[in-house]
Amino acid sequence: MTIDDHGAVTLSTALMDVGPGAYTIMRQIVGEELKTPIETIKVQAVDTAKIVKDTGVRGSSSTRVHGGAAYDASKEAREEILRVASEHMGASPDELILYEGGVTHARAERRMIFSDIVKAKGSPIIADGHYNNMADGPEASMVAQVAEVEVDSETGAVELRQLTTAHSVGTVLNPLTHQGQIDGGVVMGVGFAKMEEMVIDDSGKVATANLGDYKVPTIQDIPTLKTAIMQSITGSGPYNSTSIGETAIMPTAAAIANAVEDAVGVRIDFLPITAEKVLQGLRRKSAGGR
């Protein structure tokens, strides 16, 4: 992390944000620790050769790993900001308050913004944050899901009418991106459960070679989605946050399969749950078989 003589904060990281909002979370963490608006914080992508090895993002780890690194760098930068400001204000760091991109000495009614502090130091403020913990894995959120389906007993067609997903999580750092991860996982789970199928012909070649043949959900396939969130203060990420990325997809197919069995007494145990499979099961059931 670098703070220049204009007061701008730059995070340099080799992390590539591929959609979950990792850069946003990192900037939020820095903004929270340095008490500076998120608009003053930018992210610079650097080559992996320019950084030391870290734990890696892998599954649901970008906030824990790179958010943790941003958190550590912020604490180091905070200490340096307070040290320089205290020297020039003739006060103890304990008497100073970080606020709105600067440092305030309330009793003396003095204030230095970040650019003033950097100029007083004579060089940019540079801080490093590093996360390399291979021993402790992420503490993932817990999830339970309930699917409501309507099954046409004449055709076997399954309509997913509503899906409720409940999560026990740590601190939610960004409600919008957190909910986006949940909704995205649920939609992927619906596709996995109801339509996505890789067909291989007798010659061993993949027959579903394009998205015209390999079906994925569209907005018309997604029912009403309901979410219940229960937060706690346990979690290995910054501010006791927990991973959310994969958990929403895990029970979706099973919840839908359970709902189909509850509706018509047919248990589908291999995916996707198609009308043809349900109809075959209904016919076997009516004939006295399983």
Protein backbone atom coordinates (compact mmCIF):
# COMPACT_ATOMS: atom_id res chain seq x y z
CA MET A 1 0.00 0.00 0.00
CA THR A 2 1.26 3.46 -0.91
CA ILE A 3 -0.04 6.88 0.16
CA ASP A 4 1.37 9.66 -2.05
CA ASP A 5 1.77 13.39 -1.52
CA HIS A 6 -1.71 13.96 -2.97
CA GLY A 7 -3.20 11.79 -0.24
CA ALA A 8 -4.21 9.06 -2.70
CA VAL A 9 -4.06 5.47 -1.44
CA THR A 10 -2.96 2.73 -3.88
CA LEU A 11 -3.21 -0.98 -3.22
CA SER A 12 -0.85 -3.06 -5.35
CA THR A 13 -1.84 -6.71 -5.59
CA ALA A 14 -1.40 -9.67 -7.92
CA LEU A 15 -4.98 -10.72 -7.28
CA MET A 16 -7.20 -10.68 -10.36
CA ASP A 17 -10.79 -9.82 -9.49
CA VAL A 18 -12.81 -12.17 -11.69
CA GLY A 19 -16.20 -11.04 -10.45
CA PRO A 20 -16.74 -11.56 -6.70
CA GLY A 21 -15.86 -7.96 -5.85
CA ALA A 22 -12.50 -8.65 -4.20
CA TYR A 23 -11.13 -5.21 -5.07
CA THR A 24 -14.20 -3.57 -3.56
CA ILE A 25 -13.82 -5.52 -0.32
CA MET A 26 -10.11 -4.68 -0.09
CA ARG A 27 -10.84 -0.99 -0.61
CA GLN A 28 -13.60 -1.13 1.99
CA ILE A 29 -11.21 -2.66 4.53
CA VAL A 30 -8.57 -0.01 3.86
CA GLY A 31 -11.19 2.74 4.04
CA GLU A 32 -12.44 1.41 7.36
CA GLU A 33 -8.99 1.18 8.93
CA LEU A 34 -7.64 4.50 7.63
CA LYS A 35 -11.00 6.30 7.93
CA THR A 36 -10.76 7.58 4.38
CA PRO A 37 -13.44 7.58 1.64
CA ILE A 38 -13.35 4.55 -0.65
CA GLU A 39 -13.20 6.93 -3.65
CA THR A 40 -9.65 7.91 -2.63
CA ILE A 41 -8.45 4.29 -2.78
CA LYS A 42 -7.47 2.62 -6.03
CA VAL A 43 -6.18 -0.86 -6.86
CA GLN A 44 -3.17 -1.54 -9.06
CA ALA A 45 -2.71 -5.03 -10.50
CA VAL A 46 0.91 -6.17 -10.49
CA ASP A 47 2.80 -9.18 -11.79
CA THR A 48 3.00 -12.20 -9.50
CA ALA A 49 6.79 -11.98 -9.77
CA LYS A 50 6.62 -8.74 -7.78
CA ILE A 51 5.05 -10.27 -4.67
CA VAL A 52 5.90 -13.01 -2.22
CA LYS A 53 3.95 -16.25 -2.07
CA ASP A 54 0.62 -16.17 -0.25
CA THR A 55 -2.02 -18.72 0.64
CA GLY A 56 -3.83 -18.23 -2.68
CA VAL A 57 -7.50 -17.49 -3.24
CA ARG A 58 -8.71 -20.95 -4.30
CA GLY A 59 -12.26 -21.63 -3.10
CA SER A 60 -13.95 -18.74 -1.33
CA SER A 61 -10.69 -17.32 -0.02
CA SER A 62 -10.21 -13.94 -1.70
CA THR A 63 -11.65 -11.95 1.20
CA ARG A 64 -9.84 -14.02 3.81
CA VAL A 65 -6.45 -14.00 2.07
CA HIS A 66 -6.25 -10.71 0.18
CA GLY A 67 -8.68 -8.97 2.48
CA GLY A 68 -6.46 -10.11 5.34
CA ALA A 69 -3.39 -8.76 3.55
CA ALA A 70 -5.12 -5.43 2.97
CA TYR A 71 -6.10 -5.36 6.64
CA ASP A 72 -2.50 -5.94 7.77
CA ALA A 73 -1.16 -3.30 5.39
CA SER A 74 -3.77 -0.85 6.62
CA LYS A 75 -2.75 -1.35 10.25
CA GLU A 76 0.90 -0.78 9.36
CA ALA A 77 0.05 2.35 7.37
CA ARG A 78 -2.16 3.59 10.20
CA GLU A 79 0.70 3.31 12.69
CA GLU A 80 3.04 5.24 10.38
CA ILE A 81 0.43 7.94 9.75
CA LEU A 82 -0.08 8.44 13.48
CA ARG A 83 3.67 8.39 14.16
CA VAL A 84 4.44 11.11 11.62
CA ALA A 85 1.45 13.21 12.61
CA SER A 86 2.26 12.96 16.31
CA GLU A 87 5.81 14.17 15.71
CA HIS A 88 4.64 17.24 13.82
CA MET A 89 1.78 18.01 16.18
CA GLY A 90 3.82 17.45 19.32
CA ALA A 91 1.28 14.98 20.64
CA SER A 92 1.06 11.32 21.55
CA PRO A 93 -0.42 9.00 18.89
CA ASP A 94 -3.08 8.07 21.45
CA GLU A 95 -4.37 11.64 21.33
CA LEU A 96 -4.94 11.57 17.58
CA ILE A 97 -8.00 10.45 15.65
CA LEU A 98 -8.12 9.29 12.03
CA TYR A 99 -11.06 10.89 10.28
CA GLU A 100 -12.03 11.65 6.67
CA GLY A 101 -8.61 11.09 5.12
CA GLY A 102 -6.61 12.85 7.80
CA VAL A 103 -5.59 13.03 11.45
CA THR A 104 -7.25 15.28 14.01
CA HIS A 105 -5.95 16.41 17.41
CA ALA A 106 -9.26 17.23 19.06
CA ARG A 107 -7.88 18.94 22.17
CA ALA A 108 -5.50 21.20 20.26
CA GLU A 109 -7.97 21.62 17.38
CA ARG A 110 -5.29 20.76 14.83
CA ARG A 111 -5.63 18.63 11.72
CA MET A 112 -3.34 17.17 9.05
CA ILE A 113 -4.72 15.46 5.95
CA PHE A 114 -2.84 12.54 4.37
CA SER A 115 -1.10 14.72 1.79
CA ASP A 116 0.19 16.98 4.57
CA ILE A 117 1.48 13.98 6.50
CA VAL A 118 3.30 12.55 3.47
CA LYS A 119 4.87 15.93 2.71
CA ALA A 120 5.92 16.30 6.34
CA LYS A 121 7.56 12.88 6.22
CA GLY A 122 9.31 13.71 2.95
CA SER A 123 8.43 10.46 1.22
CA PRO A 124 5.37 8.30 0.52
CA ILE A 125 3.96 6.11 3.24
CA ILE A 126 4.50 2.50 2.22
CA ALA A 127 3.09 -0.51 4.05
CA ASP A 128 3.08 -4.24 3.31
CA GLY A 129 0.43 -6.79 4.14
CA HIS A 130 0.96 -10.52 3.71
CA TYR A 131 -1.20 -13.58 4.30
CA ASN A 132 0.38 -17.01 4.12
CA ASN A 133 -1.47 -19.49 6.30
CA MET A 134 -1.59 -23.02 4.95
CA ALA A 135 -2.51 -24.56 8.29
CA ASP A 136 -5.92 -22.96 8.87
CA GLY A 137 -8.56 -23.26 6.19
CA PRO A 138 -11.43 -20.83 5.72
CA GLU A 139 -14.37 -21.09 8.08
CA ALA A 140 -17.24 -21.49 5.68
CA SER A 141 -20.81 -20.46 6.34
CA MET A 142 -23.45 -23.10 7.05
CA VAL A 143 -26.43 -23.40 4.73
CA ALA A 144 -29.84 -25.06 4.52
CA GLN A 145 -32.23 -24.82 1.60
CA VAL A 146 -35.91 -25.54 1.00
CA ALA A 147 -37.29 -25.97 -2.52
CA GLU A 148 -40.96 -25.79 -3.49
CA VAL A 149 -41.84 -27.56 -6.73
CA GLU A 150 -44.91 -28.34 -8.79
CA VAL A 151 -44.82 -31.60 -10.73
CA ASP A 152 -47.12 -32.38 -13.67
CA SER A 153 -48.06 -36.03 -13.12
CA GLU A 154 -49.03 -36.44 -16.79
CA THR A 155 -45.76 -35.18 -18.31
CA GLY A 156 -43.27 -35.37 -15.45
CA ALA A 157 -42.37 -31.69 -15.91
CA VAL A 158 -40.98 -30.08 -12.79
CA GLU A 159 -41.53 -26.39 -12.09
CA LEU A 160 -39.45 -24.83 -9.35
CA ARG A 161 -41.78 -22.31 -7.72
CA GLN A 162 -39.66 -21.01 -4.86
CA LEU A 163 -36.28 -21.64 -3.27
CA THR A 164 -35.37 -20.44 0.21
CA THR A 165 -31.74 -20.46 1.30
CA ALA A 166 -30.68 -19.85 4.89
CA HIS A 167 -27.09 -19.07 5.87
CA SER A 168 -25.32 -18.90 9.20
CA VAL A 169 -22.40 -16.59 8.49
CA GLY A 170 -19.82 -14.37 10.13
CA THR A 171 -19.78 -10.63 9.66
CA VAL A 172 -21.18 -9.58 6.27
CA LEU A 173 -18.73 -7.00 4.90
CA ASN A 174 -20.67 -6.01 1.79
CA PRO A 175 -24.38 -7.00 1.72
CA LEU A 176 -24.71 -6.47 -2.04
CA THR A 177 -21.80 -8.67 -3.13
CA HIS A 178 -22.58 -11.18 -0.36
CA GLN A 179 -26.12 -11.60 -1.69
CA GLY A 180 -24.77 -11.75 -5.23
CA GLN A 181 -22.61 -14.74 -4.30
CA ILE A 182 -25.63 -16.48 -2.78
CA ASP A 183 -27.95 -15.80 -5.72
CA GLY A 184 -25.27 -16.81 -8.21
CA GLY A 185 -24.65 -20.09 -6.39
CA VAL A 186 -28.36 -20.87 -6.20
CA VAL A 187 -28.87 -20.20 -9.92
CA MET A 188 -25.93 -22.46 -10.77
CA GLY A 189 -27.42 -25.10 -8.48
CA VAL A 190 -30.77 -24.88 -10.27
CA GLY A 191 -29.05 -25.42 -13.61
CA PHE A 192 -27.09 -28.36 -12.19
CA ALA A 193 -30.28 -29.87 -10.79
CA LYS A 194 -32.71 -29.41 -13.67
CA MET A 195 -31.06 -28.99 -17.05
CA GLU A 196 -27.28 -29.04 -17.34
CA GLU A 197 -26.12 -32.33 -18.82
CA MET A 198 -23.05 -33.33 -20.75
CA VAL A 199 -24.14 -35.99 -23.25
CA ILE A 200 -21.51 -38.37 -24.64
CA ASP A 201 -22.43 -40.44 -27.67
CA ASP A 202 -21.54 -44.07 -28.35
CA SER A 203 -18.24 -43.09 -29.95
CA GLY A 204 -17.13 -41.30 -26.80
CA LYS A 205 -17.52 -37.80 -28.21
CA VAL A 206 -19.29 -35.00 -26.38
CA ALA A 207 -22.64 -34.37 -28.10
CA THR A 208 -23.50 -31.20 -26.20
CA ALA A 209 -20.79 -29.18 -27.87
CA ASN A 210 -22.32 -25.70 -27.53
CA LEU A 211 -24.72 -23.68 -25.40
CA GLY A 212 -27.50 -24.39 -27.88
CA ASP A 213 -27.39 -28.02 -26.76
CA TYR A 214 -26.05 -27.59 -23.23
CA LYS A 215 -28.84 -25.76 -21.44
CA VAL A 216 -28.16 -23.24 -18.67
CA PRO A 217 -30.80 -21.32 -16.70
CA THR A 218 -32.18 -18.03 -17.97
CA ILE A 219 -34.24 -15.54 -15.99
CA GLN A 220 -37.40 -17.42 -17.02
CA ASP A 221 -36.12 -20.55 -15.27
CA ILE A 222 -35.45 -18.86 -11.93
CA PRO A 223 -38.27 -18.75 -9.39
CA THR A 224 -38.73 -16.47 -6.41
CA LEU A 225 -35.53 -16.58 -4.36
CA LYS A 226 -35.67 -15.95 -0.64
CA THR A 227 -32.66 -15.59 1.65
CA ALA A 228 -32.31 -15.68 5.42
CA ILE A 229 -29.03 -14.50 6.94
CA MET A 230 -27.93 -15.09 10.53
CA GLN A 231 -24.70 -13.30 11.43
CA SER A 232 -22.32 -14.22 14.22
CA ILE A 233 -18.95 -12.91 15.40
CA THR A 234 -16.98 -16.01 14.43
CA GLY A 235 -14.91 -16.25 11.27
CA SER A 236 -11.31 -16.38 10.09
CA GLY A 237 -11.62 -13.46 7.66
CA PRO A 238 -11.27 -9.75 8.42
CA TYR A 239 -13.77 -8.55 11.07
CA ASN A 240 -14.77 -12.18 11.73
CA SER A 241 -16.10 -12.74 8.21
CA THR A 242 -16.66 -16.21 6.73
CA SER A 243 -16.56 -17.64 3.22
CA ILE A 244 -19.80 -17.60 1.22
CA GLY A 245 -18.85 -18.43 -2.38
CA GLU A 246 -19.46 -22.16 -2.73
CA THR A 247 -21.92 -22.95 0.03
CA ALA A 248 -25.06 -21.70 -1.73
CA ILE A 249 -24.71 -24.23 -4.56
CA MET A 250 -24.11 -27.32 -2.43
CA PRO A 251 -27.63 -28.33 -1.27
CA THR A 252 -29.69 -26.98 -4.18
CA ALA A 253 -29.95 -30.13 -6.30
CA ALA A 254 -30.68 -32.30 -3.27
CA ALA A 255 -33.38 -29.87 -2.06
CA ILE A 256 -35.11 -29.98 -5.46
CA ALA A 257 -34.84 -33.79 -5.64
CA ASN A 258 -36.30 -34.07 -2.14
CA ALA A 259 -39.16 -31.76 -3.13
CA VAL A 260 -39.95 -33.87 -6.22
CA GLU A 261 -40.06 -37.02 -4.09
CA ASP A 262 -42.28 -35.28 -1.55
CA ALA A 263 -44.64 -34.15 -4.32
CA VAL A 264 -45.09 -37.36 -6.32
CA GLY A 265 -43.15 -40.09 -4.52
CA VAL A 266 -40.50 -40.46 -7.22
CA ARG A 267 -36.85 -40.42 -6.15
CA ILE A 268 -34.44 -39.16 -8.84
CA ASP A 269 -30.88 -40.01 -7.82
CA PHE A 270 -28.94 -38.89 -10.88
CA LEU A 271 -28.96 -35.45 -12.46
CA PRO A 272 -30.42 -33.57 -14.17
CA ILE A 273 -33.97 -34.07 -12.94
CA THR A 274 -35.74 -34.10 -16.29
CA ALA A 275 -39.40 -34.60 -17.13
CA GLU A 276 -38.51 -37.86 -18.87
CA LYS A 277 -36.91 -39.31 -15.73
CA VAL A 278 -39.78 -38.22 -13.52
CA LEU A 279 -42.35 -39.64 -15.96
CA GLN A 280 -40.49 -42.96 -16.09
CA GLY A 281 -40.47 -43.04 -12.31
CA LEU A 282 -44.19 -42.33 -12.17
CA ARG A 283 -44.88 -45.15 -14.59
CA ARG A 284 -42.73 -47.59 -12.63
CA LYS A 285 -44.45 -46.49 -9.45
CA SER A 286 -47.90 -47.06 -10.94
CA ALA A 287 -46.77 -50.50 -12.07
CA GLY A 288 -45.71 -51.34 -8.51
CA GLY A 289 -41.97 -50.92 -8.99
CA ARG A 290 -39.42 -48.43 -7.67
